[in-house]
C-alpha atoms as a PDB file:
ATOM      1  CA  MET A   1      10.926 -12.037  52.166  1.00  0.00           C
ATOM      2  CA  PHE A   2      12.381 -14.192  49.382  1.00  0.00           C
ATOM      3  CA  GLN A   3       9.463 -16.636  49.708  1.00  0.00           C
ATOM      4  CA  SER A   4       6.914 -13.913  48.869  1.00  0.00           C
ATOM      5  CA  ALA A   5       8.868 -12.879  45.721  1.00  0.00           C
ATOM      6  CA  LEU A   6       9.358 -16.467  44.505  1.00  0.00           C
ATOM      7  CA  PRO A   7       5.849 -16.862  42.935  1.00  0.00           C
ATOM      8  CA  ALA A   8       6.171 -13.490  41.182  1.00  0.00           C
ATOM      9  CA  LEU A   9       9.568 -14.431  39.737  1.00  0.00           C
ATOM     10  CA  GLY A  10       8.230 -17.815  38.648  1.00  0.00           C
ATOM     11  CA  LEU A  11       5.278 -16.164  36.901  1.00  0.00           C
ATOM     12  CA  LEU A  12       7.616 -13.680  35.211  1.00  0.00           C
ATOM     13  CA  LEU A  13       9.830 -16.494  33.912  1.00  0.00           C
ATOM     14  CA  LEU A  14       6.756 -18.416  32.720  1.00  0.00           C
ATOM     15  CA  MET A  15       5.451 -15.373  30.815  1.00  0.00           C
ATOM     16  CA  MET A  16       8.849 -14.760  29.211  1.00  0.00           C
ATOM     17  CA  ALA A  17       9.061 -18.399  28.120  1.00  0.00           C
ATOM     18  CA  ALA A  18       5.521 -18.236  26.685  1.00  0.00           C
ATOM     19  CA  ALA A  19       6.333 -15.048  24.732  1.00  0.00           C
ATOM     20  CA  PHE A  20       9.499 -16.620  23.323  1.00  0.00           C
ATOM     21  CA  ALA A  21       7.633 -19.814  22.345  1.00  0.00           C
ATOM     22  CA  LEU A  22       4.835 -17.842  20.623  1.00  0.00           C
ATOM     23  CA  GLN A  23       7.343 -15.758  18.701  1.00  0.00           C
ATOM     24  CA  ARG A  24       9.087 -18.893  17.408  1.00  0.00           C
ATOM     25  CA  TRP A  25       5.767 -20.608  16.657  1.00  0.00           C
ATOM     26  CA  LYS A  26       4.464 -17.600  14.682  1.00  0.00           C
ATOM     27  CA  ARG A  27       7.022 -18.223  11.937  1.00  0.00           C
ATOM     28  CA  HIS A  28       5.524 -21.631  11.206  1.00  0.00           C
ATOM     29  CA  LEU A  29       1.862 -20.579  10.976  1.00  0.00           C
ATOM     30  CA  PRO A  30       0.494 -19.692   7.526  1.00  0.00           C
ATOM     31  CA  GLY A  31      -1.106 -16.276   7.162  1.00  0.00           C
ATOM     32  CA  ILE A  32       0.554 -14.772  10.230  1.00  0.00           C
ATOM     33  CA  GLY A  33       3.496 -12.438  10.040  1.00  0.00           C
ATOM     34  CA  HIS A  34       4.854 -11.161   6.730  1.00  0.00           C
ATOM     35  CA  THR A  35       2.363 -11.420   3.910  1.00  0.00           C
ATOM     36  CA  GLY A  36       3.576 -11.779   0.354  1.00  0.00           C
ATOM     37  CA  GLY A  37       0.881  -9.592  -1.186  1.00  0.00           C
ATOM     38  CA  PRO A  38       1.253  -7.243  -4.139  1.00  0.00           C
ATOM     39  CA  THR A  39       3.601  -4.306  -3.863  1.00  0.00           C
ATOM     40  CA  LEU A  40       1.933  -0.947  -3.269  1.00  0.00           C
ATOM     41  CA  ARG A  41       3.400   2.459  -4.005  1.00  0.00           C
ATOM     42  CA  VAL A  42       1.705   5.786  -3.325  1.00  0.00           C
ATOM     43  CA  MET A  43       2.251   7.902  -6.412  1.00  0.00           C
ATOM     44  CA  HIS A  44       0.431  11.091  -5.471  1.00  0.00           C
ATOM     45  CA  SER A  45      -1.916  12.416  -2.803  1.00  0.00           C
ATOM     46  CA  VAL A  46      -4.196  15.462  -2.813  1.00  0.00           C
ATOM     47  CA  ALA A  47      -6.085  16.838   0.188  1.00  0.00           C
ATOM     48  CA  LEU A  48      -9.762  17.442  -0.605  1.00  0.00           C
ATOM     49  CA  GLY A  49     -10.756  18.559   2.870  1.00  0.00           C
ATOM     50  CA  PRO A  50      -9.552  18.406   6.457  1.00  0.00           C
ATOM     51  CA  GLN A  51      -9.868  14.600   6.587  1.00  0.00           C
ATOM     52  CA  GLN A  52     -10.455  13.563   2.964  1.00  0.00           C
ATOM     53  CA  ARG A  53      -7.766  12.744   0.426  1.00  0.00           C
ATOM     54  CA  LEU A  54      -7.558  11.552  -3.154  1.00  0.00           C
ATOM     55  CA  VAL A  55      -4.646   9.132  -3.510  1.00  0.00           C
ATOM     56  CA  THR A  56      -3.167   7.453  -6.593  1.00  0.00           C
ATOM     57  CA  VAL A  57      -1.571   4.089  -5.828  1.00  0.00           C
ATOM     58  CA  GLN A  58       0.409   1.732  -8.052  1.00  0.00           C
ATOM     59  CA  VAL A  59      -0.431  -1.902  -7.319  1.00  0.00           C
ATOM     60  CA  GLY A  60       1.975  -4.577  -8.571  1.00  0.00           C
ATOM     61  CA  GLU A  61       5.017  -4.304 -10.779  1.00  0.00           C
ATOM     62  CA  GLY A  62       5.921  -4.851 -14.412  1.00  0.00           C
ATOM     63  CA  ALA A  63       3.216  -5.925 -16.852  1.00  0.00           C
ATOM     64  CA  ASP A  64       0.748  -6.566 -14.008  1.00  0.00           C
ATOM     65  CA  ALA A  65       0.957  -2.981 -12.692  1.00  0.00           C
ATOM     66  CA  LEU A  66      -2.353  -1.246 -12.098  1.00  0.00           C
ATOM     67  CA  CYS A  67      -3.049   2.315 -11.016  1.00  0.00           C
ATOM     68  CA  LEU A  68      -5.884   2.967  -8.569  1.00  0.00           C
ATOM     69  CA  VAL A  69      -7.407   6.312  -7.664  1.00  0.00           C
ATOM     70  CA  LEU A  70      -8.672   5.995  -4.099  1.00  0.00           C
ATOM     71  CA  GLY A  71     -10.886   8.264  -2.055  1.00  0.00           C
ATOM     72  CA  VAL A  72      -9.701   8.142   1.562  1.00  0.00           C
ATOM     73  CA  ALA A  73     -11.851   9.359   4.468  1.00  0.00           C
ATOM     74  CA  PRO A  74     -11.596   8.641   8.208  1.00  0.00           C
ATOM     75  CA  GLY A  75     -13.944   5.645   8.087  1.00  0.00           C
ATOM     76  CA  SER A  76     -13.477   4.333   4.564  1.00  0.00           C
ATOM     77  CA  VAL A  77     -11.322   3.836   1.496  1.00  0.00           C
ATOM     78  CA  SER A  78     -13.147   3.579  -1.825  1.00  0.00           C
ATOM     79  CA  THR A  79     -11.950   3.051  -5.386  1.00  0.00           C
ATOM     80  CA  VAL A  80     -12.773   6.012  -7.617  1.00  0.00           C
ATOM     81  CA  HIS A  81     -11.105   4.735 -10.806  1.00  0.00           C
ATOM     82  CA  SER A  82      -8.634   2.080 -11.941  1.00  0.00           C
ATOM     83  CA  LEU A  83      -6.604   1.736 -15.112  1.00  0.00           C
ATOM     84  CA  PRO A  84      -3.524  -0.134 -16.325  1.00  0.00           C
ATOM     85  CA  MET A  85      -0.212   1.653 -15.991  1.00  0.00           C
ATOM     86  CA  PRO A  86       1.121   3.164 -19.227  1.00  0.00           C
ATOM     87  CA  PRO A  87       4.176   1.294 -20.591  1.00  0.00           C
ATOM     88  CA  GLU A  88       6.520   4.242 -20.002  1.00  0.00           C
ATOM     89  CA  THR A  89       5.775   4.237 -16.241  1.00  0.00           C
ATOM     90  CA  ARG A  90       6.273   0.502 -15.732  1.00  0.00           C
ATOM     91  CA  THR A  91      10.017   0.980 -15.510  1.00  0.00           C
ATOM     92  CA  THR A  92      11.664   2.208 -12.341  1.00  0.00           C
ATOM     93  CA  ALA A  93      11.609   5.933 -11.671  1.00  0.00           C
ATOM     94  CA  PRO A  94      14.828   7.970 -11.946  1.00  0.00           C
ATOM     95  CA  THR A  95      16.786   8.194  -8.714  1.00  0.00           C
ATOM     96  CA  GLY A  96      16.679  11.989  -8.657  1.00  0.00           C
ATOM     97  CA  ALA A  97      12.885  12.264  -8.486  1.00  0.00           C
ATOM     98  CA  PRO A  98      11.160   9.115  -7.211  1.00  0.00           C
ATOM     99  CA  GLY A  99       7.617   8.854  -8.516  1.00  0.00           C
ATOM    100  CA  ALA A 100       7.773  12.093 -10.508  1.00  0.00           C
ATOM    101  CA  THR A 101       7.655  10.363 -13.901  1.00  0.00           C
ATOM    102  CA  ALA A 102       4.884   7.993 -12.876  1.00  0.00           C
ATOM    103  CA  ALA A 103       2.753  10.774 -11.360  1.00  0.00           C
ATOM    104  CA  GLY A 104       3.167  12.992 -14.438  1.00  0.00           C
ATOM    105  CA  ALA A 105       2.340  10.144 -16.799  1.00  0.00           C
ATOM    106  CA  PHE A 106      -0.718   9.224 -14.759  1.00  0.00           C
ATOM    107  CA  ALA A 107      -1.889  12.833 -14.760  1.00  0.00           C
ATOM    108  CA  SER A 108      -1.576  13.005 -18.551  1.00  0.00           C
ATOM    109  CA  ARG A 109      -3.383   9.645 -18.911  1.00  0.00           C
ATOM    110  CA  LEU A 110      -6.197  10.819 -16.629  1.00  0.00           C
ATOM    111  CA  ALA A 111      -6.514  14.076 -18.599  1.00  0.00           C
ATOM    112  CA  GLN A 112      -6.635  12.013 -21.775  1.00  0.00           C
ATOM    113  CA  LEU A 113      -9.470   9.910 -20.341  1.00  0.00           C
ATOM    114  CA  MET A 114     -11.382  12.973 -19.178  1.00  0.00           C
ATOM    115  CA  ASN A 115     -11.160  14.604 -22.637  1.00  0.00           C
ATOM    116  CA  PRO A 116     -13.822  13.034 -24.922  1.00  0.00           C
ATOM    117  CA  SER A 117     -11.949  14.066 -28.092  1.00  0.00           C
ATOM    118  CA  ALA A 118      -8.795  12.174 -27.028  1.00  0.00           C
ATOM    119  CA  LYS A 119      -7.711   9.302 -29.196  1.00  0.00           C
ATOM    120  CA  GLY A 120      -6.073   6.385 -27.455  1.00  0.00           C
ATOM    121  CA  PRO A 121      -6.493   2.779 -26.360  1.00  0.00           C
ATOM    122  CA  HIS A 122      -8.534   3.751 -23.287  1.00  0.00           C
ATOM    123  CA  ALA A 123     -10.432   6.705 -24.659  1.00  0.00           C
ATOM    124  CA  PRO A 124     -14.181   6.683 -23.903  1.00  0.00           C
ATOM    125  CA  HIS A 125     -16.342   5.805 -26.914  1.00  0.00           C
END
């Protein structure tokens, strides 16, 4: 009986050793594992339908921060609009309401862009 279980145990040990070796090897391969891409933060999300959403996302931090308005559907994500983050939202949000300041500032900036009589650095000409 032990002779019939010996190949199965050997195969199990071989598979465990291969999994351990691949896990260790993964750390040394570029592009696999943790990626050091830009930081993303969802600022606000609005449901447009049963499976469609409009999402505002902050990409990056500090002076490189950018705000994207994305249309999200089951099969696609598309950029609706992008604009630089206003200076007052580039700082960290208060601990009491995370994202509340950034979302409110973005909403006011978007309203400013939508209003043709608005005066500002990004106002339509």
